[in-house]
Amino acid sequence: TELGLIGDEAYAREYVRTRLATKPVSREHLRMQLLAHEADEAAID
């Protein structure tokens, strides 16, 4: 985390960006997918 190699905020932002660019889904669908990856709720929001 200190090295910036993992972090839920960056992961969630990148996941949303790439997911919407490749296969658009709703915000709620994205939320469920990010929860399945066990991302932090605040990062998801």
PDB file of all heavy atoms in Angstrom:
ATOM      1  N   THR A   1       0.843  -1.196   0.000  1.00  0.00           N
ATOM      2  CA  THR A   1       0.000   0.000   0.000  1.00  0.00           C
ATOM      3  C   THR A   1       0.875   1.242   0.000  1.00  0.00           C
ATOM      4  O   THR A   1       0.632   2.180  -0.771  1.00  0.00           O
ATOM      5  CB  THR A   1      -0.946  -0.003   1.224  1.00  0.00           C
ATOM      6  OG1 THR A   1      -1.762  -1.174   1.168  1.00  0.00           O
ATOM      7  CG2 THR A   1      -1.832   1.235   1.240  1.00  0.00           C
ATOM      8  N   GLU A   2       1.903   1.242   0.836  1.00  0.00           N
ATOM      9  CA  GLU A   2       2.846   2.362   0.913  1.00  0.00           C
ATOM     10  C   GLU A   2       3.522   2.609  -0.449  1.00  0.00           C
ATOM     11  O   GLU A   2       3.720   3.748  -0.856  1.00  0.00           O
ATOM     12  CB  GLU A   2       3.902   2.022   1.975  1.00  0.00           C
ATOM     13  CG  GLU A   2       4.954   3.065   2.204  1.00  0.00           C
ATOM     14  CD  GLU A   2       5.976   2.570   3.227  1.00  0.00           C
ATOM     15  OE1 GLU A   2       5.564   2.051   4.286  1.00  0.00           O
ATOM     16  OE2 GLU A   2       7.171   2.704   2.953  1.00  0.00           O
ATOM     17  N   LEU A   3       3.827   1.546  -1.162  1.00  0.00           N
ATOM     18  CA  LEU A   3       4.471   1.657  -2.475  1.00  0.00           C
ATOM     19  C   LEU A   3       3.483   1.999  -3.593  1.00  0.00           C
ATOM     20  O   LEU A   3       3.881   2.225  -4.731  1.00  0.00           O
ATOM     21  CB  LEU A   3       5.185   0.345  -2.820  1.00  0.00           C
ATOM     22  CG  LEU A   3       6.392  -0.016  -1.962  1.00  0.00           C
ATOM     23  CD1 LEU A   3       6.857  -1.431  -2.253  1.00  0.00           C
ATOM     24  CD2 LEU A   3       7.512   0.994  -2.176  1.00  0.00           C
ATOM     25  N   GLY A   4       2.188   1.988  -3.264  1.00  0.00           N
ATOM     26  CA  GLY A   4       1.162   2.296  -4.261  1.00  0.00           C
ATOM     27  C   GLY A   4       0.852   1.130  -5.184  1.00  0.00           C
ATOM     28  O   GLY A   4       0.238   1.313  -6.231  1.00  0.00           O
ATOM     29  N   LEU A   5       1.256  -0.071  -4.798  1.00  0.00           N
ATOM     30  CA  LEU A   5       1.003  -1.248  -5.640  1.00  0.00           C
ATOM     31  C   LEU A   5      -0.373  -1.853  -5.398  1.00  0.00           C
ATOM     32  O   LEU A   5      -0.895  -2.562  -6.253  1.00  0.00           O
ATOM     33  CB  LEU A   5       2.090  -2.308  -5.421  1.00  0.00           C
ATOM     34  CG  LEU A   5       3.491  -1.871  -5.856  1.00  0.00           C
ATOM     35  CD1 LEU A   5       4.519  -2.928  -5.472  1.00  0.00           C
ATOM     36  CD2 LEU A   5       3.524  -1.594  -7.342  1.00  0.00           C
ATOM     37  N   ILE A   6      -0.943  -1.594  -4.238  1.00  0.00           N
ATOM     38  CA  ILE A   6      -2.324  -1.984  -3.967  1.00  0.00           C
ATOM     39  C   ILE A   6      -3.004  -0.829  -3.250  1.00  0.00           C
ATOM     40  O   ILE A   6      -2.354  -0.035  -2.577  1.00  0.00           O
ATOM     41  CB  ILE A   6      -2.460  -3.287  -3.125  1.00  0.00           C
ATOM     42  CG1 ILE A   6      -1.780  -3.157  -1.763  1.00  0.00           C
ATOM     43  CG2 ILE A   6      -1.954  -4.483  -3.894  1.00  0.00           C
ATOM     44  CD1 ILE A   6      -2.015  -4.338  -0.828  1.00  0.00           C
ATOM     45  N   GLY A   7      -4.298  -0.746  -3.425  1.00  0.00           N
ATOM     46  CA  GLY A   7      -5.097   0.288  -2.775  1.00  0.00           C
ATOM     47  C   GLY A   7      -6.502   0.209  -3.330  1.00  0.00           C
ATOM     48  O   GLY A   7      -6.682   0.223  -4.551  1.00  0.00           O
ATOM     49  N   ASP A   8      -7.462   0.111  -2.467  1.00  0.00           N
ATOM     50  CA  ASP A   8      -8.837  -0.087  -2.911  1.00  0.00           C
ATOM     51  C   ASP A   8      -9.404   1.107  -3.682  1.00  0.00           C
ATOM     52  O   ASP A   8     -10.180   0.917  -4.612  1.00  0.00           O
ATOM     53  CB  ASP A   8      -9.737  -0.438  -1.729  1.00  0.00           C
ATOM     54  CG  ASP A   8      -9.518  -1.861  -1.238  1.00  0.00           C
ATOM     55  OD1 ASP A   8      -8.648  -2.561  -1.801  1.00  0.00           O
ATOM     56  OD2 ASP A   8     -10.222  -2.273  -0.312  1.00  0.00           O
ATOM     57  N   GLU A   9      -9.008   2.329  -3.319  1.00  0.00           N
ATOM     58  CA  GLU A   9      -9.540   3.497  -4.040  1.00  0.00           C
ATOM     59  C   GLU A   9      -9.092   3.493  -5.500  1.00  0.00           C
ATOM     60  O   GLU A   9      -9.902   3.654  -6.403  1.00  0.00           O
ATOM     61  CB  GLU A   9      -9.120   4.791  -3.354  1.00  0.00           C
ATOM     62  CG  GLU A   9      -9.917   5.083  -2.113  1.00  0.00           C
ATOM     63  CD  GLU A   9      -9.556   6.424  -1.486  1.00  0.00           C
ATOM     64  OE1 GLU A   9      -8.921   7.262  -2.156  1.00  0.00           O
ATOM     65  OE2 GLU A   9      -9.930   6.612  -0.322  1.00  0.00           O
ATOM     66  N   ALA A  10      -7.807   3.304  -5.710  1.00  0.00           N
ATOM     67  CA  ALA A  10      -7.279   3.273  -7.083  1.00  0.00           C
ATOM     68  C   ALA A  10      -7.849   2.079  -7.845  1.00  0.00           C
ATOM     69  O   ALA A  10      -8.204   2.186  -9.020  1.00  0.00           O
ATOM     70  CB  ALA A  10      -5.758   3.220  -7.070  1.00  0.00           C
ATOM     71  N   TYR A  11      -7.946   0.947  -7.159  1.00  0.00           N
ATOM     72  CA  TYR A  11      -8.487  -0.255  -7.795  1.00  0.00           C
ATOM     73  C   TYR A  11      -9.933  -0.017  -8.250  1.00  0.00           C
ATOM     74  O   TYR A  11     -10.294  -0.317  -9.381  1.00  0.00           O
ATOM     75  CB  TYR A  11      -8.439  -1.443  -6.820  1.00  0.00           C
ATOM     76  CG  TYR A  11      -9.072  -2.683  -7.393  1.00  0.00           C
ATOM     77  CD1 TYR A  11      -8.328  -3.559  -8.177  1.00  0.00           C
ATOM     78  CD2 TYR A  11     -10.413  -2.983  -7.179  1.00  0.00           C
ATOM     79  CE1 TYR A  11      -8.906  -4.694  -8.726  1.00  0.00           C
ATOM     80  CE2 TYR A  11     -10.999  -4.107  -7.728  1.00  0.00           C
ATOM     81  CZ  TYR A  11     -10.238  -4.960  -8.496  1.00  0.00           C
ATOM     82  OH  TYR A  11     -10.817  -6.080  -9.044  1.00  0.00           O
ATOM     83  N   ALA A  12     -10.742   0.536  -7.358  1.00  0.00           N
ATOM     84  CA  ALA A  12     -12.162   0.750  -7.672  1.00  0.00           C
ATOM     85  C   ALA A  12     -12.329   1.757  -8.806  1.00  0.00           C
ATOM     86  O   ALA A  12     -13.133   1.541  -9.718  1.00  0.00           O
ATOM     87  CB  ALA A  12     -12.916   1.218  -6.423  1.00  0.00           C
ATOM     88  N   ARG A  13     -11.572   2.858  -8.769  1.00  0.00           N
ATOM     89  CA  ARG A  13     -11.661   3.847  -9.853  1.00  0.00           C
ATOM     90  C   ARG A  13     -11.279   3.231 -11.190  1.00  0.00           C
ATOM     91  O   ARG A  13     -11.954   3.429 -12.192  1.00  0.00           O
ATOM     92  CB  ARG A  13     -10.770   5.050  -9.557  1.00  0.00           C
ATOM     93  CG  ARG A  13     -11.420   6.089  -8.684  1.00  0.00           C
ATOM     94  CD  ARG A  13     -10.681   7.418  -8.717  1.00  0.00           C
ATOM     95  NE  ARG A  13      -9.254   7.313  -8.469  1.00  0.00           N
ATOM     96  CZ  ARG A  13      -8.697   7.309  -7.267  1.00  0.00           C
ATOM     97  NH1 ARG A  13      -9.451   7.409  -6.194  1.00  0.00           N
ATOM     98  NH2 ARG A  13      -7.399   7.210  -7.120  1.00  0.00           N
ATOM     99  N   GLU A  14     -10.179   2.487 -11.219  1.00  0.00           N
ATOM    100  CA  GLU A  14      -9.723   1.869 -12.468  1.00  0.00           C
ATOM    101  C   GLU A  14     -10.705   0.800 -12.940  1.00  0.00           C
ATOM    102  O   GLU A  14     -10.983   0.673 -14.127  1.00  0.00           O
ATOM    103  CB  GLU A  14      -8.319   1.268 -12.279  1.00  0.00           C
ATOM    104  CG  GLU A  14      -7.739   0.653 -13.518  1.00  0.00           C
ATOM    105  CD  GLU A  14      -7.529   1.655 -14.659  1.00  0.00           C
ATOM    106  OE1 GLU A  14      -7.547   2.881 -14.428  1.00  0.00           O
ATOM    107  OE2 GLU A  14      -7.363   1.188 -15.801  1.00  0.00           O
ATOM    108  N   TYR A  15     -11.246   0.035 -11.999  1.00  0.00           N
ATOM    109  CA  TYR A  15     -12.219  -1.007 -12.348  1.00  0.00           C
ATOM    110  C   TYR A  15     -13.445  -0.383 -13.013  1.00  0.00           C
ATOM    111  O   TYR A  15     -13.908  -0.859 -14.061  1.00  0.00           O
ATOM    112  CB  TYR A  15     -12.638  -1.780 -11.093  1.00  0.00           C
ATOM    113  CG  TYR A  15     -13.519  -2.959 -11.391  1.00  0.00           C
ATOM    114  CD1 TYR A  15     -12.971  -4.209 -11.621  1.00  0.00           C
ATOM    115  CD2 TYR A  15     -14.905  -2.828 -11.461  1.00  0.00           C
ATOM    116  CE1 TYR A  15     -13.773  -5.305 -11.911  1.00  0.00           C
ATOM    117  CE2 TYR A  15     -15.715  -3.909 -11.759  1.00  0.00           C
ATOM    118  CZ  TYR A  15     -15.144  -5.150 -11.969  1.00  0.00           C
ATOM    119  OH  TYR A  15     -15.946  -6.222 -12.265  1.00  0.00           O
ATOM    120  N   VAL A  16     -13.963   0.682 -12.416  1.00  0.00           N
ATOM    121  CA  VAL A  16     -15.144   1.363 -12.970  1.00  0.00           C
ATOM    122  C   VAL A  16     -14.818   1.925 -14.354  1.00  0.00           C
ATOM    123  O   VAL A  16     -15.586   1.740 -15.303  1.00  0.00           O
ATOM    124  CB  VAL A  16     -15.637   2.476 -12.018  1.00  0.00           C
ATOM    125  CG1 VAL A  16     -16.644   3.390 -12.696  1.00  0.00           C
ATOM    126  CG2 VAL A  16     -16.239   1.867 -10.760  1.00  0.00           C
ATOM    127  N   ARG A  17     -13.669   2.578 -14.490  1.00  0.00           N
ATOM    128  CA  ARG A  17     -13.290   3.169 -15.782  1.00  0.00           C
ATOM    129  C   ARG A  17     -13.181   2.104 -16.874  1.00  0.00           C
ATOM    130  O   ARG A  17     -13.767   2.247 -17.940  1.00  0.00           O
ATOM    131  CB  ARG A  17     -11.955   3.902 -15.644  1.00  0.00           C
ATOM    132  CG  ARG A  17     -11.565   4.701 -16.889  1.00  0.00           C
ATOM    133  CD  ARG A  17     -10.155   5.248 -16.806  1.00  0.00           C
ATOM    134  NE  ARG A  17      -9.136   4.213 -16.818  1.00  0.00           N
ATOM    135  CZ  ARG A  17      -8.792   3.509 -17.910  1.00  0.00           C
ATOM    136  NH1 ARG A  17      -9.386   3.720 -19.045  1.00  0.00           N
ATOM    137  NH2 ARG A  17      -7.842   2.599 -17.837  1.00  0.00           N
ATOM    138  N   THR A  18     -12.466   1.021 -16.605  1.00  0.00           N
ATOM    139  CA  THR A  18     -12.278   0.007 -17.642  1.00  0.00           C
ATOM    140  C   THR A  18     -13.559  -0.772 -17.910  1.00  0.00           C
ATOM    141  O   THR A  18     -13.849  -1.109 -19.054  1.00  0.00           O
ATOM    142  CB  THR A  18     -11.142  -0.971 -17.297  1.00  0.00           C
ATOM    143  OG1 THR A  18     -11.397  -1.597 -16.044  1.00  0.00           O
ATOM    144  CG2 THR A  18      -9.808  -0.263 -17.244  1.00  0.00           C
ATOM    145  N   ARG A  19     -14.318  -1.026 -16.883  1.00  0.00           N
ATOM    146  CA  ARG A  19     -15.567  -1.778 -17.062  1.00  0.00           C
ATOM    147  C   ARG A  19     -16.548  -0.997 -17.925  1.00  0.00           C
ATOM    148  O   ARG A  19     -17.180  -1.563 -18.816  1.00  0.00           O
ATOM    149  CB  ARG A  19     -16.176  -2.089 -15.690  1.00  0.00           C
ATOM    150  CG  ARG A  19     -17.429  -2.883 -15.743  1.00  0.00           C
ATOM    151  CD  ARG A  19     -17.150  -4.301 -16.171  1.00  0.00           C
ATOM    152  NE  ARG A  19     -18.365  -5.055 -15.956  1.00  0.00           N
ATOM    153  CZ  ARG A  19     -18.792  -6.012 -16.724  1.00  0.00           C
ATOM    154  NH1 ARG A  19     -18.074  -6.410 -17.734  1.00  0.00           N
ATOM    155  NH2 ARG A  19     -19.915  -6.625 -16.478  1.00  0.00           N
ATOM    156  N   LEU A  20     -16.667   0.293 -17.669  1.00  0.00           N
ATOM    157  CA  LEU A  20     -17.584   1.101 -18.467  1.00  0.00           C
ATOM    158  C   LEU A  20     -17.090   1.282 -19.899  1.00  0.00           C
ATOM    159  O   LEU A  20     -17.886   1.431 -20.816  1.00  0.00           O
ATOM    160  CB  LEU A  20     -17.827   2.460 -17.804  1.00  0.00           C
ATOM    161  CG  LEU A  20     -18.606   2.412 -16.493  1.00  0.00           C
ATOM    162  CD1 LEU A  20     -18.732   3.805 -15.896  1.00  0.00           C
ATOM    163  CD2 LEU A  20     -19.967   1.767 -16.670  1.00  0.00           C
ATOM    164  N   ALA A  21     -15.785   1.248 -20.093  1.00  0.00           N
ATOM    165  CA  ALA A  21     -15.226   1.381 -21.443  1.00  0.00           C
ATOM    166  C   ALA A  21     -15.391   0.100 -22.252  1.00  0.00           C
ATOM    167  O   ALA A  21     -15.521   0.147 -23.474  1.00  0.00           O
ATOM    168  CB  ALA A  21     -13.750   1.754 -21.364  1.00  0.00           C
ATOM    169  N   THR A  22     -15.407  -1.056 -21.571  1.00  0.00           N
ATOM    170  CA  THR A  22     -15.471  -2.330 -22.293  1.00  0.00           C
ATOM    171  C   THR A  22     -16.859  -2.948 -22.339  1.00  0.00           C
ATOM    172  O   THR A  22     -17.240  -3.532 -23.350  1.00  0.00           O
ATOM    173  CB  THR A  22     -14.489  -3.353 -21.685  1.00  0.00           C
ATOM    174  OG1 THR A  22     -14.807  -3.542 -20.302  1.00  0.00           O
ATOM    175  CG2 THR A  22     -13.061  -2.883 -21.819  1.00  0.00           C
ATOM    176  N   LYS A  23     -17.587  -2.876 -21.244  1.00  0.00           N
ATOM    177  CA  LYS A  23     -18.916  -3.480 -21.186  1.00  0.00           C
ATOM    178  C   LYS A  23     -19.762  -2.691 -20.196  1.00  0.00           C
ATOM    179  O   LYS A  23     -19.833  -3.039 -19.020  1.00  0.00           O
ATOM    180  CB  LYS A  23     -18.817  -4.945 -20.760  1.00  0.00           C
ATOM    181  CG  LYS A  23     -20.136  -5.683 -20.827  1.00  0.00           C
ATOM    182  CD  LYS A  23     -19.955  -7.157 -20.477  1.00  0.00           C
ATOM    183  CE  LYS A  23     -21.274  -7.892 -20.556  1.00  0.00           C
ATOM    184  NZ  LYS A  23     -21.137  -9.284 -20.138  1.00  0.00           N
ATOM    185  N   PRO A  24     -20.396  -1.611 -20.668  1.00  0.00           N
ATOM    186  CA  PRO A  24     -21.131  -0.738 -19.764  1.00  0.00           C
ATOM    187  C   PRO A  24     -22.223  -1.475 -18.968  1.00  0.00           C
ATOM    188  O   PRO A  24     -22.957  -2.286 -19.526  1.00  0.00           O
ATOM    189  CB  PRO A  24     -21.770   0.301 -20.692  1.00  0.00           C
ATOM    190  CG  PRO A  24     -20.959   0.278 -21.928  1.00  0.00           C
ATOM    191  CD  PRO A  24     -20.463  -1.134 -22.050  1.00  0.00           C
ATOM    192  N   VAL A  25     -22.254  -1.181 -17.694  1.00  0.00           N
ATOM    193  CA  VAL A  25     -23.283  -1.698 -16.790  1.00  0.00           C
ATOM    194  C   VAL A  25     -23.703  -0.555 -15.869  1.00  0.00           C
ATOM    195  O   VAL A  25     -23.061   0.492 -15.827  1.00  0.00           O
ATOM    196  CB  VAL A  25     -22.776  -2.902 -15.954  1.00  0.00           C
ATOM    197  CG1 VAL A  25     -22.493  -4.102 -16.825  1.00  0.00           C
ATOM    198  CG2 VAL A  25     -21.552  -2.542 -15.146  1.00  0.00           C
ATOM    199  N   SER A  26     -24.743  -0.774 -15.102  1.00  0.00           N
ATOM    200  CA  SER A  26     -25.250   0.268 -14.207  1.00  0.00           C
ATOM    201  C   SER A  26     -24.347   0.446 -12.988  1.00  0.00           C
ATOM    202  O   SER A  26     -23.510  -0.402 -12.683  1.00  0.00           O
ATOM    203  CB  SER A  26     -26.652  -0.106 -13.729  1.00  0.00           C
ATOM    204  OG  SER A  26     -26.580  -1.201 -12.843  1.00  0.00           O
ATOM    205  N   ARG A  27     -24.561   1.565 -12.292  1.00  0.00           N
ATOM    206  CA  ARG A  27     -23.813   1.803 -11.047  1.00  0.00           C
ATOM    207  C   ARG A  27     -24.049   0.673 -10.056  1.00  0.00           C
ATOM    208  O   ARG A  27     -23.114   0.218  -9.402  1.00  0.00           O
ATOM    209  CB  ARG A  27     -24.256   3.124 -10.419  1.00  0.00           C
ATOM    210  CG  ARG A  27     -23.662   4.348 -11.053  1.00  0.00           C
ATOM    211  CD  ARG A  27     -23.999   5.590 -10.241  1.00  0.00           C
ATOM    212  NE  ARG A  27     -25.430   5.816 -10.171  1.00  0.00           N
ATOM    213  CZ  ARG A  27     -26.093   6.707 -10.885  1.00  0.00           C
ATOM    214  NH1 ARG A  27     -25.450   7.481 -11.722  1.00  0.00           N
ATOM    215  NH2 ARG A  27     -27.386   6.851 -10.770  1.00  0.00           N
ATOM    216  N   GLU A  28     -25.289   0.236  -9.927  1.00  0.00           N
ATOM    217  CA  GLU A  28     -25.600  -0.823  -8.962  1.00  0.00           C
ATOM    218  C   GLU A  28     -24.894  -2.126  -9.322  1.00  0.00           C
ATOM    219  O   GLU A  28     -24.409  -2.833  -8.454  1.00  0.00           O
ATOM    220  CB  GLU A  28     -27.116  -1.035  -8.869  1.00  0.00           C
ATOM    221  CG  GLU A  28     -27.540  -1.899  -7.709  1.00  0.00           C
ATOM    222  CD  GLU A  28     -27.011  -1.427  -6.359  1.00  0.00           C
ATOM    223  OE1 GLU A  28     -26.942  -0.219  -6.100  1.00  0.00           O
ATOM    224  OE2 GLU A  28     -26.649  -2.305  -5.542  1.00  0.00           O
ATOM    225  N   HIS A  29     -24.827  -2.435 -10.600  1.00  0.00           N
ATOM    226  CA  HIS A  29     -24.127  -3.640 -11.054  1.00  0.00           C
ATOM    227  C   HIS A  29     -22.623  -3.523 -10.739  1.00  0.00           C
ATOM    228  O   HIS A  29     -22.004  -4.485 -10.278  1.00  0.00           O
ATOM    229  CB  HIS A  29     -24.352  -3.819 -12.558  1.00  0.00           C
ATOM    230  CG  HIS A  29     -24.182  -5.211 -13.037  1.00  0.00           C
ATOM    231  ND1 HIS A  29     -25.189  -6.139 -12.996  1.00  0.00           N
ATOM    232  CD2 HIS A  29     -23.113  -5.843 -13.574  1.00  0.00           C
ATOM    233  CE1 HIS A  29     -24.749  -7.279 -13.488  1.00  0.00           C
ATOM    234  NE2 HIS A  29     -23.486  -7.128 -13.849  1.00  0.00           N
ATOM    235  N   LEU A  30     -22.066  -2.343 -10.976  1.00  0.00           N
ATOM    236  CA  LEU A  30     -20.662  -2.107 -10.644  1.00  0.00           C
ATOM    237  C   LEU A  30     -20.426  -2.271  -9.145  1.00  0.00           C
ATOM    238  O   LEU A  30     -19.424  -2.845  -8.731  1.00  0.00           O
ATOM    239  CB  LEU A  30     -20.237  -0.700 -11.081  1.00  0.00           C
ATOM    240  CG  LEU A  30     -20.025  -0.505 -12.569  1.00  0.00           C
ATOM    241  CD1 LEU A  30     -19.936   0.978 -12.904  1.00  0.00           C
ATOM    242  CD2 LEU A  30     -18.781  -1.231 -13.038  1.00  0.00           C
ATOM    243  N   ARG A  31     -21.356  -1.751  -8.347  1.00  0.00           N
ATOM    244  CA  ARG A  31     -21.226  -1.888  -6.887  1.00  0.00           C
ATOM    245  C   ARG A  31     -21.161  -3.364  -6.487  1.00  0.00           C
ATOM    246  O   ARG A  31     -20.303  -3.768  -5.703  1.00  0.00           O
ATOM    247  CB  ARG A  31     -22.396  -1.211  -6.175  1.00  0.00           C
ATOM    248  CG  ARG A  31     -22.386  -1.403  -4.649  1.00  0.00           C
ATOM    249  CD  ARG A  31     -23.521  -0.679  -3.967  1.00  0.00           C
ATOM    250  NE  ARG A  31     -23.487   0.748  -4.164  1.00  0.00           N
ATOM    251  CZ  ARG A  31     -22.610   1.582  -3.583  1.00  0.00           C
ATOM    252  NH1 ARG A  31     -21.708   1.093  -2.767  1.00  0.00           N
ATOM    253  NH2 ARG A  31     -22.645   2.871  -3.818  1.00  0.00           N
ATOM    254  N   MET A  32     -22.046  -4.168  -7.047  1.00  0.00           N
ATOM    255  CA  MET A  32     -22.053  -5.597  -6.709  1.00  0.00           C
ATOM    256  C   MET A  32     -20.749  -6.265  -7.134  1.00  0.00           C
ATOM    257  O   MET A  32     -20.211  -7.099  -6.409  1.00  0.00           O
ATOM    258  CB  MET A  32     -23.255  -6.293  -7.353  1.00  0.00           C
ATOM    259  CG  MET A  32     -24.577  -5.882  -6.735  1.00  0.00           C
ATOM    260  SD  MET A  32     -26.011  -6.794  -7.360  1.00  0.00           S
ATOM    261  CE  MET A  32     -25.918  -6.547  -9.111  1.00  0.00           C
ATOM    262  N   GLN A  33     -20.241  -5.902  -8.309  1.00  0.00           N
ATOM    263  CA  GLN A  33     -18.993  -6.492  -8.784  1.00  0.00           C
ATOM    264  C   GLN A  33     -17.817  -6.096  -7.889  1.00  0.00           C
ATOM    265  O   GLN A  33     -16.977  -6.936  -7.557  1.00  0.00           O
ATOM    266  CB  GLN A  33     -18.720  -6.072 -10.231  1.00  0.00           C
ATOM    267  CG  GLN A  33     -19.686  -6.703 -11.207  1.00  0.00           C
ATOM    268  CD  GLN A  33     -19.504  -6.184 -12.619  1.00  0.00           C
ATOM    269  OE1 GLN A  33     -19.025  -5.067 -12.831  1.00  0.00           O
ATOM    270  NE2 GLN A  33     -19.901  -6.981 -13.588  1.00  0.00           N
ATOM    271  N   LEU A  34     -17.757  -4.836  -7.485  1.00  0.00           N
ATOM    272  CA  LEU A  34     -16.676  -4.395  -6.613  1.00  0.00           C
ATOM    273  C   LEU A  34     -16.779  -5.026  -5.225  1.00  0.00           C
ATOM    274  O   LEU A  34     -15.761  -5.356  -4.612  1.00  0.00           O
ATOM    275  CB  LEU A  34     -16.650  -2.871  -6.524  1.00  0.00           C
ATOM    276  CG  LEU A  34     -16.095  -2.178  -7.768  1.00  0.00           C
ATOM    277  CD1 LEU A  34     -16.434  -0.693  -7.751  1.00  0.00           C
ATOM    278  CD2 LEU A  34     -14.601  -2.391  -7.877  1.00  0.00           C
ATOM    279  N   LEU A  35     -17.993  -5.204  -4.748  1.00  0.00           N
ATOM    280  CA  LEU A  35     -18.167  -5.890  -3.459  1.00  0.00           C
ATOM    281  C   LEU A  35     -17.700  -7.345  -3.557  1.00  0.00           C
ATOM    282  O   LEU A  35     -17.131  -7.881  -2.610  1.00  0.00           O
ATOM    283  CB  LEU A  35     -19.627  -5.830  -3.001  1.00  0.00           C
ATOM    284  CG  LEU A  35     -20.093  -4.478  -2.473  1.00  0.00           C
ATOM    285  CD1 LEU A  35     -21.601  -4.478  -2.260  1.00  0.00           C
ATOM    286  CD2 LEU A  35     -19.365  -4.108  -1.193  1.00  0.00           C
ATOM    287  N   ALA A  36     -17.910  -7.964  -4.714  1.00  0.00           N
ATOM    288  CA  ALA A  36     -17.441  -9.331  -4.919  1.00  0.00           C
ATOM    289  C   ALA A  36     -15.917  -9.401  -4.886  1.00  0.00           C
ATOM    290  O   ALA A  36     -15.346 -10.429  -4.502  1.00  0.00           O
ATOM    291  CB  ALA A  36     -17.963  -9.886  -6.241  1.00  0.00           C
ATOM    292  N   HIS A  37     -15.256  -8.309  -5.260  1.00  0.00           N
ATOM    293  CA  HIS A  37     -13.789  -8.243  -5.190  1.00  0.00           C
ATOM    294  C   HIS A  37     -13.326  -7.786  -3.811  1.00  0.00           C
ATOM    295  O   HIS A  37     -12.128  -7.608  -3.596  1.00  0.00           O
ATOM    296  CB  HIS A  37     -13.244  -7.284  -6.259  1.00  0.00           C
ATOM    297  CG  HIS A  37     -13.304  -7.843  -7.629  1.00  0.00           C
ATOM    298  ND1 HIS A  37     -12.333  -8.658  -8.156  1.00  0.00           N
ATOM    299  CD2 HIS A  37     -14.230  -7.721  -8.601  1.00  0.00           C
ATOM    300  CE1 HIS A  37     -12.655  -8.996  -9.386  1.00  0.00           C
ATOM    301  NE2 HIS A  37     -13.815  -8.440  -9.680  1.00  0.00           N
ATOM    302  N   GLU A  38     -14.274  -7.587  -2.914  1.00  0.00           N
ATOM    303  CA  GLU A  38     -14.023  -7.203  -1.533  1.00  0.00           C
ATOM    304  C   GLU A  38     -13.319  -5.863  -1.400  1.00  0.00           C
ATOM    305  O   GLU A  38     -12.487  -5.654  -0.523  1.00  0.00           O
ATOM    306  CB  GLU A  38     -13.248  -8.296  -0.796  1.00  0.00           C
ATOM    307  CG  GLU A  38     -13.989  -9.623  -0.780  1.00  0.00           C
ATOM    308  CD  GLU A  38     -13.262 -10.704  -0.049  1.00  0.00           C
ATOM    309  OE1 GLU A  38     -13.462 -10.775   1.193  1.00  0.00           O
ATOM    310  OE2 GLU A  38     -12.508 -11.454  -0.682  1.00  0.00           O
ATOM    311  N   ALA A  39     -13.659  -4.937  -2.287  1.00  0.00           N
ATOM    312  CA  ALA A  39     -13.130  -3.576  -2.177  1.00  0.00           C
ATOM    313  C   ALA A  39     -13.809  -2.880  -1.007  1.00  0.00           C
ATOM    314  O   ALA A  39     -14.937  -3.200  -0.636  1.00  0.00           O
ATOM    315  CB  ALA A  39     -13.374  -2.804  -3.470  1.00  0.00           C
ATOM    316  N   ASP A  40     -13.122  -1.930  -0.440  1.00  0.00           N
ATOM    317  CA  ASP A  40     -13.622  -1.144   0.680  1.00  0.00           C
ATOM    318  C   ASP A  40     -14.848  -0.329   0.254  1.00  0.00           C
ATOM    319  O   ASP A  40     -14.856   0.250  -0.831  1.00  0.00           O
ATOM    320  CB  ASP A  40     -12.501  -0.218   1.148  1.00  0.00           C
ATOM    321  CG  ASP A  40     -12.916   0.678   2.277  1.00  0.00           C
ATOM    322  OD1 ASP A  40     -13.146   0.160   3.383  1.00  0.00           O
ATOM    323  OD2 ASP A  40     -13.021   1.904   2.045  1.00  0.00           O
ATOM    324  N   GLU A  41     -15.873  -0.300   1.098  1.00  0.00           N
ATOM    325  CA  GLU A  41     -17.132   0.399   0.768  1.00  0.00           C
ATOM    326  C   GLU A  41     -16.907   1.874   0.450  1.00  0.00           C
ATOM    327  O   GLU A  41     -17.508   2.416  -0.473  1.00  0.00           O
ATOM    328  CB  GLU A  41     -18.134   0.276   1.923  1.00  0.00           C
ATOM    329  CG  GLU A  41     -18.618  -1.117   2.162  1.00  0.00           C
ATOM    330  CD  GLU A  41     -20.008  -1.375   1.615  1.00  0.00           C
ATOM    331  OE1 GLU A  41     -20.617  -0.454   1.035  1.00  0.00           O
ATOM    332  OE2 GLU A  41     -20.469  -2.498   1.758  1.00  0.00           O
ATOM    333  N   ALA A  42     -16.049   2.534   1.214  1.00  0.00           N
ATOM    334  CA  ALA A  42     -15.784   3.952   0.968  1.00  0.00           C
ATOM    335  C   ALA A  42     -15.121   4.139  -0.399  1.00  0.00           C
ATOM    336  O   ALA A  42     -15.432   5.098  -1.122  1.00  0.00           O
ATOM    337  CB  ALA A  42     -14.899   4.528   2.072  1.00  0.00           C
ATOM    338  N   ALA A  43     -14.217   3.243  -0.761  1.00  0.00           N
ATOM    339  CA  ALA A  43     -13.548   3.311  -2.068  1.00  0.00           C
ATOM    340  C   ALA A  43     -14.562   3.088  -3.189  1.00  0.00           C
ATOM    341  O   ALA A  43     -14.500   3.750  -4.231  1.00  0.00           O
ATOM    342  CB  ALA A  43     -12.433   2.273  -2.146  1.00  0.00           C
ATOM    343  N   ILE A  44     -15.492   2.176  -2.976  1.00  0.00           N
ATOM    344  CA  ILE A  44     -16.536   1.912  -3.968  1.00  0.00           C
ATOM    345  C   ILE A  44     -17.401   3.153  -4.156  1.00  0.00           C
ATOM    346  O   ILE A  44     -17.662   3.579  -5.282  1.00  0.00           O
ATOM    347  CB  ILE A  44     -17.399   0.701  -3.559  1.00  0.00           C
ATOM    348  CG1 ILE A  44     -16.576  -0.584  -3.603  1.00  0.00           C
ATOM    349  CG2 ILE A  44     -18.632   0.585  -4.448  1.00  0.00           C
ATOM    350  CD1 ILE A  44     -17.271  -1.798  -3.011  1.00  0.00           C
ATOM    351  N   ASP A  45     -17.835   3.744  -3.051  1.00  0.00           N
ATOM    352  CA  ASP A  45     -18.672   4.946  -3.119  1.00  0.00           C
ATOM    353  C   ASP A  45     -17.963   6.071  -3.860  1.00  0.00           C
ATOM    354  O   ASP A  45     -18.564   6.762  -4.688  1.00  0.00           O
ATOM    355  CB  ASP A  45     -19.085   5.410  -1.723  1.00  0.00           C
ATOM    356  CG  ASP A  45     -20.062   4.455  -1.058  1.00  0.00           C
ATOM    357  OD1 ASP A  45     -20.717   3.659  -1.777  1.00  0.00           O
ATOM    358  OD2 ASP A  45     -20.173   4.498   0.187  1.00  0.00           O
TER     359      ASP A  45
END
